[in-house]
Amino acid sequence: MTSLLAEAENAVRAGRVKLYVFKPSGRRRWVVVGKHGEYLVLPGSGYCSCHDFFFRVMSGEKPTCYHLIAARIAEERSRYELIEEKDSNHDKLMSRWIRGESKPET
């Protein structure tokens, strides 16, 4: 768990935890930028869209992934990037995060 905590702390320090708030609905989505993409994190449900979660956490090999820990730490410390988006962008972004894709270049 120590290396998971260290990775989570690094993600928080590096500003890789984001909270998207969709307007006008007020829906909130946590996203952590990982090594290979942006991952949807549901701290209350203990879910992350990363491959590590799917292959190692779901199989019981690991207790959790560092993205989940990072989101919890960031929320507790209020150390995250707040991003407001229109509700019309919700489905497109959710699809991208579930697939673990990186943010498209602009």
N, C-alpha and C. Protein backbone atom coordinates (compact mmCIF):
# COMPACT_ATOMS: atom_id res chain seq x y z
N MET A 1 0.83 -1.20 0.00
CA MET A 1 0.00 0.00 0.00
C MET A 1 0.87 1.26 0.00
N THR A 2 2.10 1.15 0.50
CA THR A 2 2.96 2.32 0.59
C THR A 2 3.26 2.91 -0.78
N SER A 3 3.57 2.06 -1.76
CA SER A 3 3.86 2.61 -3.09
C SER A 3 2.60 3.20 -3.72
N LEU A 4 1.44 2.61 -3.43
CA LEU A 4 0.18 3.18 -3.93
C LEU A 4 -0.04 4.56 -3.33
N LEU A 5 0.22 4.69 -2.04
CA LEU A 5 0.05 5.97 -1.37
C LEU A 5 1.03 7.00 -1.93
N ALA A 6 2.27 6.58 -2.16
CA ALA A 6 3.27 7.49 -2.73
C ALA A 6 2.86 7.95 -4.12
N GLU A 7 2.38 7.03 -4.94
CA GLU A 7 1.92 7.40 -6.29
C GLU A 7 0.73 8.35 -6.22
N ALA A 8 -0.17 8.08 -5.29
CA ALA A 8 -1.34 8.94 -5.12
C ALA A 8 -0.93 10.34 -4.68
N GLU A 9 -0.02 10.41 -3.72
CA GLU A 9 0.49 11.71 -3.25
C GLU A 9 1.15 12.47 -4.40
N ASN A 10 1.92 11.77 -5.21
CA ASN A 10 2.57 12.41 -6.37
C ASN A 10 1.53 12.97 -7.34
N ALA A 11 0.47 12.22 -7.58
CA ALA A 11 -0.58 12.68 -8.50
C ALA A 11 -1.25 13.94 -7.97
N VAL A 12 -1.50 13.98 -6.67
CA VAL A 12 -2.12 15.16 -6.06
C VAL A 12 -1.18 16.35 -6.15
N ARG A 13 0.09 16.13 -5.77
CA ARG A 13 1.08 17.23 -5.82
C ARG A 13 1.26 17.76 -7.24
N ALA A 14 1.19 16.87 -8.22
CA ALA A 14 1.40 17.27 -9.61
C ALA A 14 0.15 17.90 -10.24
N GLY A 15 -0.94 17.97 -9.49
CA GLY A 15 -2.16 18.58 -10.01
C GLY A 15 -2.88 17.73 -11.04
N ARG A 16 -2.78 16.41 -10.90
CA ARG A 16 -3.39 15.52 -11.88
C ARG A 16 -4.78 15.03 -11.49
N VAL A 17 -5.34 15.60 -10.42
CA VAL A 17 -6.70 15.24 -10.00
C VAL A 17 -7.64 16.38 -10.38
N LYS A 18 -8.73 16.03 -11.07
CA LYS A 18 -9.67 17.03 -11.56
C LYS A 18 -11.08 16.69 -11.11
N LEU A 19 -11.82 17.71 -10.79
CA LEU A 19 -13.25 17.54 -10.49
C LEU A 19 -14.02 18.30 -11.55
N TYR A 20 -14.76 17.57 -12.37
CA TYR A 20 -15.61 18.18 -13.38
C TYR A 20 -16.99 18.38 -12.79
N VAL A 21 -17.50 19.58 -12.91
CA VAL A 21 -18.87 19.89 -12.48
C VAL A 21 -19.64 20.31 -13.73
N PHE A 22 -20.69 19.57 -14.02
CA PHE A 22 -21.47 19.83 -15.23
C PHE A 22 -22.63 20.76 -14.90
N LYS A 23 -22.83 21.73 -15.78
CA LYS A 23 -23.86 22.76 -15.59
C LYS A 23 -24.92 22.64 -16.66
N PRO A 24 -26.17 22.81 -16.35
CA PRO A 24 -26.70 23.25 -15.07
C PRO A 24 -27.04 22.11 -14.10
N SER A 25 -26.82 20.85 -14.48
CA SER A 25 -27.28 19.73 -13.63
C SER A 25 -26.55 19.63 -12.30
N GLY A 26 -25.30 20.06 -12.26
CA GLY A 26 -24.51 19.93 -11.05
C GLY A 26 -23.86 18.57 -10.88
N ARG A 27 -23.95 17.70 -11.91
CA ARG A 27 -23.28 16.39 -11.82
C ARG A 27 -21.79 16.59 -11.62
N ARG A 28 -21.20 15.74 -10.79
CA ARG A 28 -19.78 15.85 -10.47
C ARG A 28 -19.08 14.56 -10.89
N ARG A 29 -17.93 14.70 -11.54
CA ARG A 29 -17.15 13.54 -11.96
C ARG A 29 -15.68 13.78 -11.63
N TRP A 30 -15.09 12.83 -10.90
CA TRP A 30 -13.67 12.89 -10.58
C TRP A 30 -12.87 12.21 -11.68
N VAL A 31 -11.77 12.83 -12.07
CA VAL A 31 -10.90 12.29 -13.10
C VAL A 31 -9.46 12.42 -12.60
N VAL A 32 -8.68 11.37 -12.79
CA VAL A 32 -7.26 11.41 -12.44
C VAL A 32 -6.47 11.13 -13.71
N VAL A 33 -5.51 12.00 -13.99
CA VAL A 33 -4.63 11.81 -15.14
C VAL A 33 -3.55 10.82 -14.72
N GLY A 34 -3.55 9.67 -15.38
CA GLY A 34 -2.59 8.62 -15.06
C GLY A 34 -1.47 8.55 -16.08
N LYS A 35 -0.75 7.46 -16.02
CA LYS A 35 0.40 7.28 -16.92
C LYS A 35 -0.01 7.11 -18.37
N HIS A 36 -1.19 6.54 -18.59
CA HIS A 36 -1.59 6.21 -19.96
C HIS A 36 -2.90 6.85 -20.39
N GLY A 37 -3.47 7.71 -19.58
CA GLY A 37 -4.72 8.35 -19.97
C GLY A 37 -5.39 9.02 -18.79
N GLU A 38 -6.61 9.48 -19.03
CA GLU A 38 -7.43 10.09 -17.99
C GLU A 38 -8.47 9.06 -17.56
N TYR A 39 -8.61 8.87 -16.24
CA TYR A 39 -9.48 7.82 -15.74
C TYR A 39 -10.60 8.38 -14.89
N LEU A 40 -11.78 7.86 -15.12
CA LEU A 40 -12.95 8.19 -14.31
C LEU A 40 -12.82 7.47 -12.98
N VAL A 41 -13.00 8.21 -11.89
CA VAL A 41 -12.89 7.65 -10.55
C VAL A 41 -14.19 7.95 -9.81
N LEU A 42 -14.77 6.92 -9.22
CA LEU A 42 -15.98 7.07 -8.40
C LEU A 42 -15.61 6.70 -6.97
N PRO A 43 -15.08 7.67 -6.20
CA PRO A 43 -14.60 7.36 -4.85
C PRO A 43 -15.66 6.71 -3.96
N GLY A 44 -16.89 7.15 -4.03
CA GLY A 44 -17.95 6.58 -3.19
C GLY A 44 -18.26 5.13 -3.51
N SER A 45 -18.03 4.74 -4.75
CA SER A 45 -18.29 3.36 -5.18
C SER A 45 -17.03 2.51 -5.21
N GLY A 46 -15.87 3.14 -5.07
CA GLY A 46 -14.61 2.41 -5.13
C GLY A 46 -14.29 1.90 -6.51
N TYR A 47 -14.64 2.69 -7.54
CA TYR A 47 -14.43 2.29 -8.94
C TYR A 47 -13.47 3.24 -9.64
N CYS A 48 -12.63 2.67 -10.51
CA CYS A 48 -11.77 3.46 -11.40
C CYS A 48 -11.77 2.78 -12.76
N SER A 49 -11.69 3.57 -13.82
CA SER A 49 -11.73 3.01 -15.18
C SER A 49 -10.35 2.58 -15.69
N CYS A 50 -9.31 2.60 -14.85
CA CYS A 50 -7.97 2.22 -15.31
C CYS A 50 -7.85 0.70 -15.47
N HIS A 51 -6.85 0.30 -16.24
CA HIS A 51 -6.60 -1.13 -16.47
C HIS A 51 -6.17 -1.84 -15.18
N ASP A 52 -5.40 -1.16 -14.34
CA ASP A 52 -4.94 -1.75 -13.09
C ASP A 52 -6.14 -2.15 -12.22
N PHE A 53 -7.14 -1.29 -12.18
CA PHE A 53 -8.35 -1.61 -11.41
C PHE A 53 -9.02 -2.86 -11.99
N PHE A 54 -9.19 -2.86 -13.29
CA PHE A 54 -9.91 -3.97 -13.93
C PHE A 54 -9.18 -5.30 -13.74
N PHE A 55 -7.86 -5.30 -13.96
CA PHE A 55 -7.13 -6.56 -13.93
C PHE A 55 -6.62 -6.96 -12.55
N ARG A 56 -6.20 -6.02 -11.73
CA ARG A 56 -5.59 -6.39 -10.45
C ARG A 56 -6.50 -6.19 -9.24
N VAL A 57 -7.27 -5.11 -9.25
CA VAL A 57 -8.16 -4.87 -8.11
C VAL A 57 -9.35 -5.82 -8.17
N MET A 58 -9.96 -5.94 -9.33
CA MET A 58 -11.13 -6.82 -9.47
C MET A 58 -10.78 -8.29 -9.19
N SER A 59 -9.54 -8.68 -9.49
CA SER A 59 -9.13 -10.07 -9.24
C SER A 59 -8.70 -10.31 -7.80
N GLY A 60 -8.60 -9.23 -7.02
CA GLY A 60 -8.18 -9.35 -5.63
C GLY A 60 -6.68 -9.30 -5.43
N GLU A 61 -5.94 -9.11 -6.51
CA GLU A 61 -4.47 -9.04 -6.42
C GLU A 61 -4.01 -7.79 -5.68
N LYS A 62 -4.75 -6.68 -5.83
CA LYS A 62 -4.44 -5.42 -5.16
C LYS A 62 -5.70 -4.91 -4.46
N PRO A 63 -5.54 -4.16 -3.37
CA PRO A 63 -6.72 -3.65 -2.66
C PRO A 63 -7.40 -2.49 -3.39
N THR A 64 -6.64 -1.72 -4.14
CA THR A 64 -7.17 -0.55 -4.85
C THR A 64 -6.12 -0.06 -5.83
N CYS A 65 -6.45 0.98 -6.58
CA CYS A 65 -5.46 1.61 -7.46
C CYS A 65 -5.13 2.99 -6.90
N TYR A 66 -4.00 3.53 -7.34
CA TYR A 66 -3.59 4.82 -6.79
C TYR A 66 -4.50 5.96 -7.23
N HIS A 67 -5.21 5.81 -8.33
CA HIS A 67 -6.12 6.87 -8.80
C HIS A 67 -7.23 7.11 -7.78
N LEU A 68 -7.78 6.03 -7.23
CA LEU A 68 -8.83 6.15 -6.20
C LEU A 68 -8.30 6.83 -4.95
N ILE A 69 -7.11 6.45 -4.53
CA ILE A 69 -6.51 7.07 -3.34
C ILE A 69 -6.25 8.54 -3.60
N ALA A 70 -5.75 8.86 -4.80
CA ALA A 70 -5.45 10.26 -5.14
C ALA A 70 -6.71 11.11 -5.11
N ALA A 71 -7.80 10.60 -5.64
CA ALA A 71 -9.06 11.37 -5.64
C ALA A 71 -9.53 11.63 -4.21
N ARG A 72 -9.40 10.64 -3.35
CA ARG A 72 -9.82 10.81 -1.95
C ARG A 72 -8.95 11.84 -1.24
N ILE A 73 -7.64 11.74 -1.44
CA ILE A 73 -6.71 12.70 -0.82
C ILE A 73 -6.99 14.11 -1.33
N ALA A 74 -7.14 14.24 -2.64
CA ALA A 74 -7.39 15.56 -3.24
C ALA A 74 -8.67 16.18 -2.70
N GLU A 75 -9.71 15.37 -2.56
CA GLU A 75 -10.97 15.89 -2.03
C GLU A 75 -10.81 16.32 -0.57
N GLU A 76 -10.16 15.49 0.23
CA GLU A 76 -9.96 15.82 1.65
C GLU A 76 -9.16 17.11 1.83
N ARG A 77 -8.17 17.31 0.96
CA ARG A 77 -7.28 18.48 1.09
C ARG A 77 -7.70 19.65 0.21
N SER A 78 -8.76 19.47 -0.56
CA SER A 78 -9.19 20.49 -1.54
C SER A 78 -8.05 20.87 -2.47
N ARG A 79 -7.35 19.84 -2.99
CA ARG A 79 -6.21 20.04 -3.88
C ARG A 79 -6.50 19.39 -5.23
N TYR A 80 -7.40 19.99 -5.97
CA TYR A 80 -7.76 19.47 -7.28
C TYR A 80 -8.11 20.63 -8.19
N GLU A 81 -8.09 20.34 -9.48
CA GLU A 81 -8.49 21.34 -10.46
C GLU A 81 -10.00 21.23 -10.67
N LEU A 82 -10.69 22.33 -10.48
CA LEU A 82 -12.14 22.37 -10.69
C LEU A 82 -12.40 22.82 -12.12
N ILE A 83 -13.14 22.01 -12.86
CA ILE A 83 -13.44 22.31 -14.25
C ILE A 83 -14.95 22.29 -14.43
N GLU A 84 -15.49 23.38 -14.95
CA GLU A 84 -16.92 23.43 -15.23
C GLU A 84 -17.15 23.14 -16.70
N GLU A 85 -18.10 22.28 -16.97
CA GLU A 85 -18.45 21.88 -18.34
C GLU A 85 -19.95 21.97 -18.51
N LYS A 86 -20.37 22.09 -19.74
CA LYS A 86 -21.80 22.07 -20.06
C LYS A 86 -22.30 20.63 -20.00
N ASP A 87 -23.55 20.47 -19.60
CA ASP A 87 -24.17 19.15 -19.59
C ASP A 87 -24.09 18.47 -20.95
N SER A 88 -24.12 19.25 -22.01
CA SER A 88 -24.09 18.68 -23.36
C SER A 88 -22.78 17.94 -23.65
N ASN A 89 -21.73 18.19 -22.87
CA ASN A 89 -20.44 17.51 -23.06
C ASN A 89 -20.28 16.27 -22.18
N HIS A 90 -21.24 16.01 -21.30
CA HIS A 90 -21.12 14.93 -20.32
C HIS A 90 -20.90 13.56 -20.97
N ASP A 91 -21.75 13.17 -21.89
CA ASP A 91 -21.66 11.83 -22.47
C ASP A 91 -20.37 11.62 -23.24
N LYS A 92 -19.94 12.63 -23.98
CA LYS A 92 -18.70 12.53 -24.75
C LYS A 92 -17.50 12.34 -23.81
N LEU A 93 -17.46 13.13 -22.74
CA LEU A 93 -16.35 13.02 -21.80
C LEU A 93 -16.39 11.69 -21.04
N MET A 94 -17.57 11.27 -20.62
CA MET A 94 -17.69 9.99 -19.92
C MET A 94 -17.17 8.84 -20.79
N SER A 95 -17.52 8.86 -22.05
CA SER A 95 -17.07 7.83 -22.97
C SER A 95 -15.55 7.81 -23.06
N ARG A 96 -14.95 8.98 -23.14
CA ARG A 96 -13.49 9.08 -23.22
C ARG A 96 -12.84 8.57 -21.94
N TRP A 97 -13.38 8.97 -20.79
CA TRP A 97 -12.78 8.56 -19.51
C TRP A 97 -12.92 7.07 -19.28
N ILE A 98 -14.05 6.51 -19.62
CA ILE A 98 -14.26 5.07 -19.41
C ILE A 98 -13.28 4.27 -20.24
N ARG A 99 -12.94 4.77 -21.41
CA ARG A 99 -11.95 4.11 -22.27
C ARG A 99 -10.52 4.42 -21.84
N GLY A 100 -10.35 5.37 -20.89
CA GLY A 100 -9.01 5.73 -20.42
C GLY A 100 -8.20 6.50 -21.43
N GLU A 101 -8.88 7.25 -22.28
CA GLU A 101 -8.17 8.02 -23.29
C GLU A 101 -7.61 9.31 -22.70
N SER A 102 -6.57 9.80 -23.34
CA SER A 102 -6.01 11.09 -22.96
C SER A 102 -6.84 12.20 -23.55
N LYS A 103 -6.67 13.39 -22.99
CA LYS A 103 -7.37 14.56 -23.52
C LYS A 103 -6.87 14.82 -24.94
N PRO A 104 -7.77 15.04 -25.88
CA PRO A 104 -7.35 15.31 -27.26
C PRO A 104 -6.55 16.61 -27.34
N GLU A 105 -5.58 16.62 -28.21
CA GLU A 105 -4.78 17.83 -28.43
C GLU A 105 -5.66 18.91 -29.04
N THR A 106 -5.44 20.16 -28.62
CA THR A 106 -6.22 21.27 -29.17
C THR A 106 -5.40 22.08 -30.13
